[in-house]
C-alpha atoms as a PDB file:
ATOM      1  CA  GLN A   1       0.000   0.000   0.000  1.00  0.00           C
ATOM      2  CA  VAL A   2       1.404   3.360  -1.040  1.00  0.00           C
ATOM      3  CA  GLN A   3       1.192   6.197   1.440  1.00  0.00           C
ATOM      4  CA  LEU A   4       2.592   9.709   1.171  1.00  0.00           C
ATOM      5  CA  VAL A   5       2.484  12.056   4.145  1.00  0.00           C
ATOM      6  CA  GLU A   6       3.502  15.697   3.841  1.00  0.00           C
ATOM      7  CA  SER A   7       4.554  18.030   6.620  1.00  0.00           C
ATOM      8  CA  GLY A   8       6.068  21.452   7.066  1.00  0.00           C
ATOM      9  CA  GLY A   9       3.548  23.860   5.578  1.00  0.00           C
ATOM     10  CA  GLY A  10       2.419  27.041   7.235  1.00  0.00           C
ATOM     11  CA  LEU A  11       2.267  30.811   7.065  1.00  0.00           C
ATOM     12  CA  VAL A  12       5.386  32.717   6.119  1.00  0.00           C
ATOM     13  CA  GLN A  13       6.127  36.306   5.144  1.00  0.00           C
ATOM     14  CA  PRO A  14       7.365  37.181   1.662  1.00  0.00           C
ATOM     15  CA  GLY A  15      11.084  36.551   1.428  1.00  0.00           C
ATOM     16  CA  GLY A  16      10.928  33.866   4.080  1.00  0.00           C
ATOM     17  CA  SER A  17      11.722  30.159   3.938  1.00  0.00           C
ATOM     18  CA  LEU A  18       9.960  26.889   4.595  1.00  0.00           C
ATOM     19  CA  ARG A  19      10.982  23.273   4.317  1.00  0.00           C
ATOM     20  CA  LEU A  20       8.468  20.645   3.314  1.00  0.00           C
ATOM     21  CA  SER A  21       8.985  16.958   3.901  1.00  0.00           C
ATOM     22  CA  CYS A  22       7.270  13.901   2.466  1.00  0.00           C
ATOM     23  CA  ALA A  23       7.496  10.507   4.117  1.00  0.00           C
ATOM     24  CA  ALA A  24       6.657   7.617   1.817  1.00  0.00           C
ATOM     25  CA  SER A  25       5.829   3.970   2.293  1.00  0.00           C
ATOM     26  CA  GLY A  26       5.252   1.353  -0.380  1.00  0.00           C
ATOM     27  CA  THR A  27       7.232   3.207  -3.006  1.00  0.00           C
ATOM     28  CA  SER A  28       9.789   5.975  -3.441  1.00  0.00           C
ATOM     29  CA  PRO A  29       8.494   9.555  -3.489  1.00  0.00           C
ATOM     30  CA  GLY A  30       9.026  11.319  -6.780  1.00  0.00           C
ATOM     31  CA  GLY A  31       8.560  14.989  -6.128  1.00  0.00           C
ATOM     32  CA  TRP A  32       6.273  17.911  -5.396  1.00  0.00           C
ATOM     33  CA  TYR A  33       3.316  19.517  -7.124  1.00  0.00           C
ATOM     34  CA  ARG A  34       1.184  22.431  -6.005  1.00  0.00           C
ATOM     35  CA  GLN A  35      -2.273  23.756  -6.609  1.00  0.00           C
ATOM     36  CA  ALA A  36      -3.211  27.372  -6.015  1.00  0.00           C
ATOM     37  CA  PRO A  37      -6.844  28.453  -5.596  1.00  0.00           C
ATOM     38  CA  GLY A  38      -8.623  28.431  -8.936  1.00  0.00           C
ATOM     39  CA  LYS A  39      -5.644  26.960 -10.773  1.00  0.00           C
ATOM     40  CA  GLN A  40      -4.598  23.564 -12.033  1.00  0.00           C
ATOM     41  CA  ARG A  41      -2.129  21.411 -10.185  1.00  0.00           C
ATOM     42  CA  GLU A  42       1.404  22.055 -11.472  1.00  0.00           C
ATOM     43  CA  LEU A  43       4.820  20.535 -11.123  1.00  0.00           C
ATOM     44  CA  VAL A  44       7.113  22.269  -8.641  1.00  0.00           C
ATOM     45  CA  ALA A  45      10.103  19.945  -8.501  1.00  0.00           C
ATOM     46  CA  ALA A  46      10.684  16.278  -9.114  1.00  0.00           C
ATOM     47  CA  PHE A  47      13.296  13.627  -9.670  1.00  0.00           C
ATOM     48  CA  THR A  48      13.448  11.941 -13.037  1.00  0.00           C
ATOM     49  CA  THR A  49      13.860   8.199 -13.504  1.00  0.00           C
ATOM     50  CA  ILE A  50      17.587   8.721 -14.031  1.00  0.00           C
ATOM     51  CA  GLY A  51      17.971  10.761 -10.876  1.00  0.00           C
ATOM     52  CA  THR A  52      18.192  14.241 -12.315  1.00  0.00           C
ATOM     53  CA  THR A  53      15.858  17.017 -11.172  1.00  0.00           C
ATOM     54  CA  ASN A  54      13.195  19.095 -12.873  1.00  0.00           C
ATOM     55  CA  TYR A  55      11.991  22.434 -11.561  1.00  0.00           C
ATOM     56  CA  ALA A  56       9.227  24.756 -12.619  1.00  0.00           C
ATOM     57  CA  ASP A  57      10.708  27.904 -14.132  1.00  0.00           C
ATOM     58  CA  SER A  58       8.966  29.972 -11.478  1.00  0.00           C
ATOM     59  CA  VAL A  59      10.887  28.314  -8.630  1.00  0.00           C
ATOM     60  CA  LYS A  60      14.337  27.790 -10.171  1.00  0.00           C
ATOM     61  CA  GLY A  61      17.030  29.287  -8.002  1.00  0.00           C
ATOM     62  CA  ARG A  62      14.701  29.502  -4.992  1.00  0.00           C
ATOM     63  CA  PHE A  63      13.556  25.930  -4.331  1.00  0.00           C
ATOM     64  CA  THR A  64      15.683  22.826  -3.884  1.00  0.00           C
ATOM     65  CA  ILE A  65      14.457  19.249  -3.873  1.00  0.00           C
ATOM     66  CA  SER A  66      16.382  16.567  -2.038  1.00  0.00           C
ATOM     67  CA  ARG A  67      15.809  13.006  -0.939  1.00  0.00           C
ATOM     68  CA  ASP A  68      16.996  10.598   1.692  1.00  0.00           C
ATOM     69  CA  ASN A  69      16.836   7.074   0.303  1.00  0.00           C
ATOM     70  CA  ALA A  70      17.493   5.494   3.693  1.00  0.00           C
ATOM     71  CA  LYS A  71      14.499   7.276   5.231  1.00  0.00           C
ATOM     72  CA  ASN A  72      12.449   7.179   2.013  1.00  0.00           C
ATOM     73  CA  THR A  73      11.706  10.877   2.217  1.00  0.00           C
ATOM     74  CA  VAL A  74      11.818  13.776  -0.195  1.00  0.00           C
ATOM     75  CA  ASP A  75      12.155  17.357   0.995  1.00  0.00           C
ATOM     76  CA  LEU A  76      11.531  20.696  -0.636  1.00  0.00           C
ATOM     77  CA  GLN A  77      13.524  23.648   0.658  1.00  0.00           C
ATOM     78  CA  MET A  78      11.760  26.839  -0.337  1.00  0.00           C
ATOM     79  CA  ASN A  79      13.614  30.150  -0.037  1.00  0.00           C
ATOM     80  CA  ASN A  80      12.691  33.700  -0.964  1.00  0.00           C
ATOM     81  CA  LEU A  81       9.030  32.795  -0.958  1.00  0.00           C
ATOM     82  CA  LYS A  82       6.608  34.969  -2.856  1.00  0.00           C
ATOM     83  CA  PRO A  83       2.851  35.468  -2.461  1.00  0.00           C
ATOM     84  CA  GLU A  84       2.354  33.608  -5.742  1.00  0.00           C
ATOM     85  CA  ASP A  85       3.858  30.513  -4.112  1.00  0.00           C
ATOM     86  CA  THR A  86       0.751  30.253  -1.958  1.00  0.00           C
ATOM     87  CA  ALA A  87      -0.802  26.875  -2.660  1.00  0.00           C
ATOM     88  CA  VAL A  88      -1.448  23.417  -1.350  1.00  0.00           C
ATOM     89  CA  TYR A  89       1.700  21.391  -1.936  1.00  0.00           C
ATOM     90  CA  TYR A  90       1.359  17.701  -2.727  1.00  0.00           C
ATOM     91  CA  CYS A  91       3.889  14.935  -2.582  1.00  0.00           C
ATOM     92  CA  TYR A  92       3.772  12.695  -5.639  1.00  0.00           C
ATOM     93  CA  ALA A  93       4.838   9.172  -6.529  1.00  0.00           C
ATOM     94  CA  ARG A  94       4.355   6.942  -9.535  1.00  0.00           C
ATOM     95  CA  HIS A  95       4.188   3.232  -8.801  1.00  0.00           C
ATOM     96  CA  TYR A  96       3.478   0.632 -11.500  1.00  0.00           C
ATOM     97  CA  ALA A  97       2.029   3.287 -13.803  1.00  0.00           C
ATOM     98  CA  ILE A  98      -0.338   4.588 -11.106  1.00  0.00           C
ATOM     99  CA  ASP A  99      -0.062   8.104  -9.720  1.00  0.00           C
ATOM    100  CA  TYR A 100      -0.268   8.576  -5.975  1.00  0.00           C
ATOM    101  CA  TRP A 101      -0.718  11.799  -4.053  1.00  0.00           C
ATOM    102  CA  GLY A 102      -0.473  12.841  -0.440  1.00  0.00           C
ATOM    103  CA  LYS A 103      -3.255  14.832   1.197  1.00  0.00           C
ATOM    104  CA  GLY A 104      -1.284  18.037   0.784  1.00  0.00           C
ATOM    105  CA  THR A 105       0.104  20.731   3.035  1.00  0.00           C
ATOM    106  CA  LEU A 106      -0.901  24.380   2.800  1.00  0.00           C
ATOM    107  CA  VAL A 107       1.740  27.037   2.258  1.00  0.00           C
ATOM    108  CA  THR A 108       0.584  30.624   2.652  1.00  0.00           C
ATOM    109  CA  VAL A 109       2.931  33.476   1.828  1.00  0.00           C
ATOM    110  CA  SER A 110       1.552  36.718   3.142  1.00  0.00           C
ATOM    111  CA  SER A 111       2.526  39.756   5.159  1.00  0.00           C
END
């Protein structure tokens, strides 16, 4: 059974930082997506099948994805946060051609 559990969201002021973490069981976590109010879910950062990383253009240079294979976790370090980063952030995994999602963690960037 695949389970993905996110943690680390919250309220932060513009320019601040947050670190999200995803703990996975049943498979390896692949990355992070987000969904802002009224918008479609979009890729934030993810590992490819060959271990490289993909980032949305809007977060390049500000966000860093990392993983701990021993703990089966994937983290997202978010720096210089902007109001437009406000969204629910979801951990993602693909296991035997099926997509799995965590329940999400809310990140609100506001003064």
